């Protein structure tokens, strides 16, 4: 796995969906725990977007969110990995 400075991680699937919509690269999904952990490439802006999401100030097109969330749900169901 990568060292801590190379990735941003979260167990929040809704946040992971939002970050995917914002075009941050999902590197890996860890299925070893009940709450799956998502590992994103730590790039400029990812912390700002996560904070924006956390404060309720993240705006996305609802249809895009639903589409990406469904795609992610299919990946999780099969315990696969996200493909760009």
N, C-alpha and C. Protein backbone atom coordinates (compact mmCIF):
# COMPACT_ATOMS: atom_id res chain seq x y z
N UNK A 1 0.85 -1.18 0.00
CA UNK A 1 0.00 0.00 0.00
C UNK A 1 0.89 1.24 0.00
N UNK A 2 0.32 2.37 -0.25
CA UNK A 2 1.02 3.65 -0.32
C UNK A 2 1.25 4.22 1.08
N UNK A 3 2.22 5.12 1.19
CA UNK A 3 2.38 5.76 2.50
C UNK A 3 1.35 6.87 2.66
N UNK A 4 1.15 7.33 3.90
CA UNK A 4 0.05 8.25 4.22
C UNK A 4 0.05 9.55 3.41
N UNK A 5 1.21 10.05 3.02
CA UNK A 5 1.24 11.32 2.29
C UNK A 5 0.80 11.16 0.84
N UNK A 6 0.66 9.93 0.37
CA UNK A 6 0.32 9.71 -1.03
C UNK A 6 -1.17 9.50 -1.26
N UNK A 7 -1.95 9.32 -0.20
CA UNK A 7 -3.37 9.08 -0.42
C UNK A 7 -4.25 9.76 0.62
N UNK A 8 -5.47 9.99 0.22
CA UNK A 8 -6.52 10.48 1.10
C UNK A 8 -7.48 9.31 1.27
N UNK A 9 -7.84 8.98 2.50
CA UNK A 9 -8.73 7.83 2.69
C UNK A 9 -9.97 8.20 3.47
N UNK A 10 -11.04 7.46 3.17
CA UNK A 10 -12.32 7.69 3.84
C UNK A 10 -13.10 6.38 3.86
N UNK A 11 -13.99 6.25 4.83
CA UNK A 11 -14.93 5.12 4.86
C UNK A 11 -16.33 5.58 4.47
N UNK A 12 -16.48 6.82 4.09
CA UNK A 12 -17.77 7.41 3.74
C UNK A 12 -18.03 7.22 2.24
N UNK A 13 -18.96 6.33 1.92
CA UNK A 13 -19.26 6.03 0.51
C UNK A 13 -19.83 7.25 -0.22
N UNK A 14 -20.65 8.03 0.45
CA UNK A 14 -21.21 9.23 -0.19
C UNK A 14 -20.09 10.22 -0.51
N UNK A 15 -19.14 10.39 0.39
CA UNK A 15 -17.99 11.26 0.13
C UNK A 15 -17.16 10.70 -1.02
N UNK A 16 -16.95 9.40 -1.03
CA UNK A 16 -16.20 8.77 -2.12
C UNK A 16 -16.88 9.05 -3.47
N UNK A 17 -18.20 8.94 -3.50
CA UNK A 17 -18.94 9.24 -4.72
C UNK A 17 -18.72 10.68 -5.14
N UNK A 18 -18.82 11.60 -4.19
CA UNK A 18 -18.60 13.02 -4.49
C UNK A 18 -17.19 13.26 -5.04
N UNK A 19 -16.19 12.64 -4.41
CA UNK A 19 -14.81 12.83 -4.88
C UNK A 19 -14.61 12.26 -6.28
N UNK A 20 -15.27 11.15 -6.58
CA UNK A 20 -15.19 10.60 -7.93
C UNK A 20 -15.80 11.58 -8.95
N UNK A 21 -16.90 12.19 -8.58
CA UNK A 21 -17.53 13.17 -9.47
C UNK A 21 -16.59 14.35 -9.71
N UNK A 22 -15.83 14.71 -8.68
CA UNK A 22 -14.89 15.82 -8.80
C UNK A 22 -13.60 15.40 -9.51
N UNK A 23 -13.58 14.16 -10.00
CA UNK A 23 -12.48 13.61 -10.81
C UNK A 23 -11.20 13.35 -10.03
N UNK A 24 -11.33 13.04 -8.74
CA UNK A 24 -10.17 12.58 -7.98
C UNK A 24 -10.01 11.09 -8.24
N UNK A 25 -8.78 10.62 -8.30
CA UNK A 25 -8.48 9.24 -8.69
C UNK A 25 -8.61 8.30 -7.50
N UNK A 26 -9.51 7.33 -7.62
CA UNK A 26 -9.67 6.29 -6.61
C UNK A 26 -8.65 5.20 -6.90
N UNK A 27 -7.70 5.01 -5.98
CA UNK A 27 -6.62 4.06 -6.19
C UNK A 27 -6.97 2.64 -5.75
N UNK A 28 -7.74 2.53 -4.66
CA UNK A 28 -7.98 1.21 -4.09
C UNK A 28 -9.19 1.25 -3.16
N UNK A 29 -9.79 0.10 -2.96
CA UNK A 29 -10.85 -0.07 -1.97
C UNK A 29 -10.43 -1.24 -1.09
N UNK A 30 -10.40 -1.02 0.21
CA UNK A 30 -10.04 -2.07 1.17
C UNK A 30 -11.32 -2.69 1.70
N UNK A 31 -11.50 -3.97 1.45
CA UNK A 31 -12.70 -4.69 1.85
C UNK A 31 -12.51 -5.49 3.15
N UNK A 32 -11.38 -5.30 3.83
CA UNK A 32 -11.05 -6.16 4.97
C UNK A 32 -11.87 -5.87 6.23
N UNK A 33 -12.56 -4.75 6.28
CA UNK A 33 -13.37 -4.40 7.45
C UNK A 33 -14.83 -4.27 7.03
N UNK A 34 -15.71 -4.21 8.01
CA UNK A 34 -17.14 -4.05 7.72
C UNK A 34 -17.39 -2.75 6.96
N UNK A 35 -16.70 -1.68 7.36
CA UNK A 35 -16.79 -0.40 6.65
C UNK A 35 -15.65 -0.34 5.65
N UNK A 36 -15.99 -0.41 4.38
CA UNK A 36 -14.97 -0.38 3.35
C UNK A 36 -14.22 0.95 3.40
N UNK A 37 -12.93 0.90 3.06
CA UNK A 37 -12.11 2.10 3.07
C UNK A 37 -11.67 2.42 1.65
N UNK A 38 -11.86 3.67 1.27
CA UNK A 38 -11.53 4.15 -0.07
C UNK A 38 -10.23 4.92 0.00
N UNK A 39 -9.32 4.65 -0.93
CA UNK A 39 -8.03 5.32 -0.99
C UNK A 39 -7.95 6.12 -2.29
N UNK A 40 -7.88 7.44 -2.14
CA UNK A 40 -7.76 8.34 -3.28
C UNK A 40 -6.34 8.88 -3.36
N UNK A 41 -5.90 9.17 -4.57
CA UNK A 41 -4.62 9.83 -4.75
C UNK A 41 -4.70 11.20 -4.09
N UNK A 42 -3.72 11.50 -3.24
CA UNK A 42 -3.71 12.78 -2.52
C UNK A 42 -3.20 13.86 -3.47
N UNK A 43 -4.12 14.62 -4.04
CA UNK A 43 -3.77 15.68 -4.97
C UNK A 43 -4.32 17.00 -4.46
N UNK A 44 -3.84 18.08 -5.05
CA UNK A 44 -4.29 19.41 -4.65
C UNK A 44 -5.81 19.50 -4.73
N UNK A 45 -6.40 20.03 -3.68
CA UNK A 45 -7.83 20.29 -3.66
C UNK A 45 -8.67 19.21 -3.01
N UNK A 46 -8.12 18.02 -2.80
CA UNK A 46 -8.96 16.94 -2.27
C UNK A 46 -9.43 17.24 -0.85
N UNK A 47 -8.57 17.82 -0.03
CA UNK A 47 -8.95 18.17 1.35
C UNK A 47 -10.03 19.25 1.33
N UNK A 48 -9.86 20.24 0.46
CA UNK A 48 -10.86 21.31 0.35
C UNK A 48 -12.22 20.76 -0.06
N UNK A 49 -12.23 19.83 -1.00
CA UNK A 49 -13.49 19.23 -1.44
C UNK A 49 -14.10 18.38 -0.33
N UNK A 50 -13.28 17.65 0.41
CA UNK A 50 -13.80 16.84 1.52
C UNK A 50 -14.41 17.74 2.60
N UNK A 51 -13.76 18.87 2.86
CA UNK A 51 -14.30 19.81 3.85
C UNK A 51 -15.59 20.44 3.35
N UNK A 52 -15.62 20.78 2.08
CA UNK A 52 -16.83 21.35 1.48
C UNK A 52 -17.99 20.35 1.62
N UNK A 53 -17.71 19.08 1.35
CA UNK A 53 -18.71 18.02 1.51
C UNK A 53 -19.16 17.93 2.98
N UNK A 54 -18.19 17.95 3.88
CA UNK A 54 -18.48 17.81 5.30
C UNK A 54 -19.31 18.94 5.88
N UNK A 55 -19.22 20.12 5.30
CA UNK A 55 -20.00 21.27 5.78
C UNK A 55 -21.31 21.45 5.02
N UNK A 56 -21.58 20.55 4.09
CA UNK A 56 -22.83 20.64 3.34
C UNK A 56 -22.81 21.64 2.22
N UNK A 57 -21.62 22.05 1.78
CA UNK A 57 -21.51 23.06 0.73
C UNK A 57 -21.06 22.49 -0.61
N UNK A 58 -21.11 21.18 -0.75
CA UNK A 58 -20.72 20.53 -2.00
C UNK A 58 -21.94 20.44 -2.91
N UNK A 59 -21.81 20.99 -4.08
CA UNK A 59 -22.92 20.98 -5.03
C UNK A 59 -22.58 20.08 -6.22
N UNK A 60 -23.50 19.18 -6.54
CA UNK A 60 -23.34 18.31 -7.70
C UNK A 60 -24.69 18.15 -8.39
N UNK A 61 -24.64 17.76 -9.63
CA UNK A 61 -25.85 17.44 -10.37
C UNK A 61 -26.40 16.13 -9.80
N UNK A 62 -27.64 16.12 -9.33
CA UNK A 62 -28.20 14.91 -8.70
C UNK A 62 -28.19 13.69 -9.62
N UNK A 63 -28.42 13.88 -10.91
CA UNK A 63 -28.42 12.73 -11.82
C UNK A 63 -27.02 12.15 -11.98
N UNK A 64 -26.01 13.00 -11.99
CA UNK A 64 -24.62 12.52 -12.07
C UNK A 64 -24.27 11.78 -10.78
N UNK A 65 -24.66 12.35 -9.64
CA UNK A 65 -24.39 11.70 -8.36
C UNK A 65 -25.02 10.31 -8.32
N UNK A 66 -26.27 10.21 -8.74
CA UNK A 66 -26.97 8.93 -8.73
C UNK A 66 -26.28 7.92 -9.64
N UNK A 67 -25.86 8.35 -10.81
CA UNK A 67 -25.19 7.45 -11.76
C UNK A 67 -23.87 6.92 -11.21
N UNK A 68 -23.05 7.81 -10.67
CA UNK A 68 -21.75 7.40 -10.13
C UNK A 68 -21.94 6.54 -8.88
N UNK A 69 -22.91 6.89 -8.05
CA UNK A 69 -23.17 6.11 -6.85
C UNK A 69 -23.62 4.68 -7.21
N UNK A 70 -24.43 4.54 -8.23
CA UNK A 70 -24.85 3.20 -8.68
C UNK A 70 -23.67 2.41 -9.22
N UNK A 71 -22.80 3.07 -9.98
CA UNK A 71 -21.61 2.39 -10.50
C UNK A 71 -20.73 1.91 -9.34
N UNK A 72 -20.55 2.76 -8.35
CA UNK A 72 -19.74 2.39 -7.19
C UNK A 72 -20.40 1.25 -6.42
N UNK A 73 -21.71 1.27 -6.28
CA UNK A 73 -22.43 0.19 -5.59
C UNK A 73 -22.21 -1.15 -6.29
N UNK A 74 -22.19 -1.15 -7.62
CA UNK A 74 -21.93 -2.39 -8.37
C UNK A 74 -20.51 -2.90 -8.11
N UNK A 75 -19.56 -1.98 -8.06
CA UNK A 75 -18.17 -2.36 -7.76
C UNK A 75 -18.10 -2.97 -6.36
N UNK A 76 -18.76 -2.34 -5.39
CA UNK A 76 -18.74 -2.84 -4.02
C UNK A 76 -19.40 -4.21 -3.92
N UNK A 77 -20.50 -4.39 -4.60
CA UNK A 77 -21.23 -5.66 -4.56
C UNK A 77 -20.33 -6.81 -5.02
N UNK A 78 -19.51 -6.55 -6.03
CA UNK A 78 -18.61 -7.56 -6.58
C UNK A 78 -17.23 -7.56 -5.92
N UNK A 79 -17.06 -6.65 -4.95
CA UNK A 79 -15.77 -6.48 -4.28
C UNK A 79 -14.65 -6.31 -5.30
N UNK A 80 -14.94 -5.47 -6.28
CA UNK A 80 -13.99 -5.20 -7.35
C UNK A 80 -13.25 -3.89 -7.08
N UNK A 81 -12.63 -3.36 -8.10
CA UNK A 81 -11.92 -2.09 -8.01
C UNK A 81 -12.49 -1.13 -9.05
N UNK A 82 -12.42 0.15 -8.74
CA UNK A 82 -12.93 1.19 -9.63
C UNK A 82 -12.00 1.32 -10.82
N UNK A 83 -12.58 1.35 -12.00
CA UNK A 83 -11.80 1.56 -13.22
C UNK A 83 -12.14 2.92 -13.77
N UNK A 84 -11.12 3.69 -14.06
CA UNK A 84 -11.34 5.04 -14.62
C UNK A 84 -11.98 4.98 -15.96
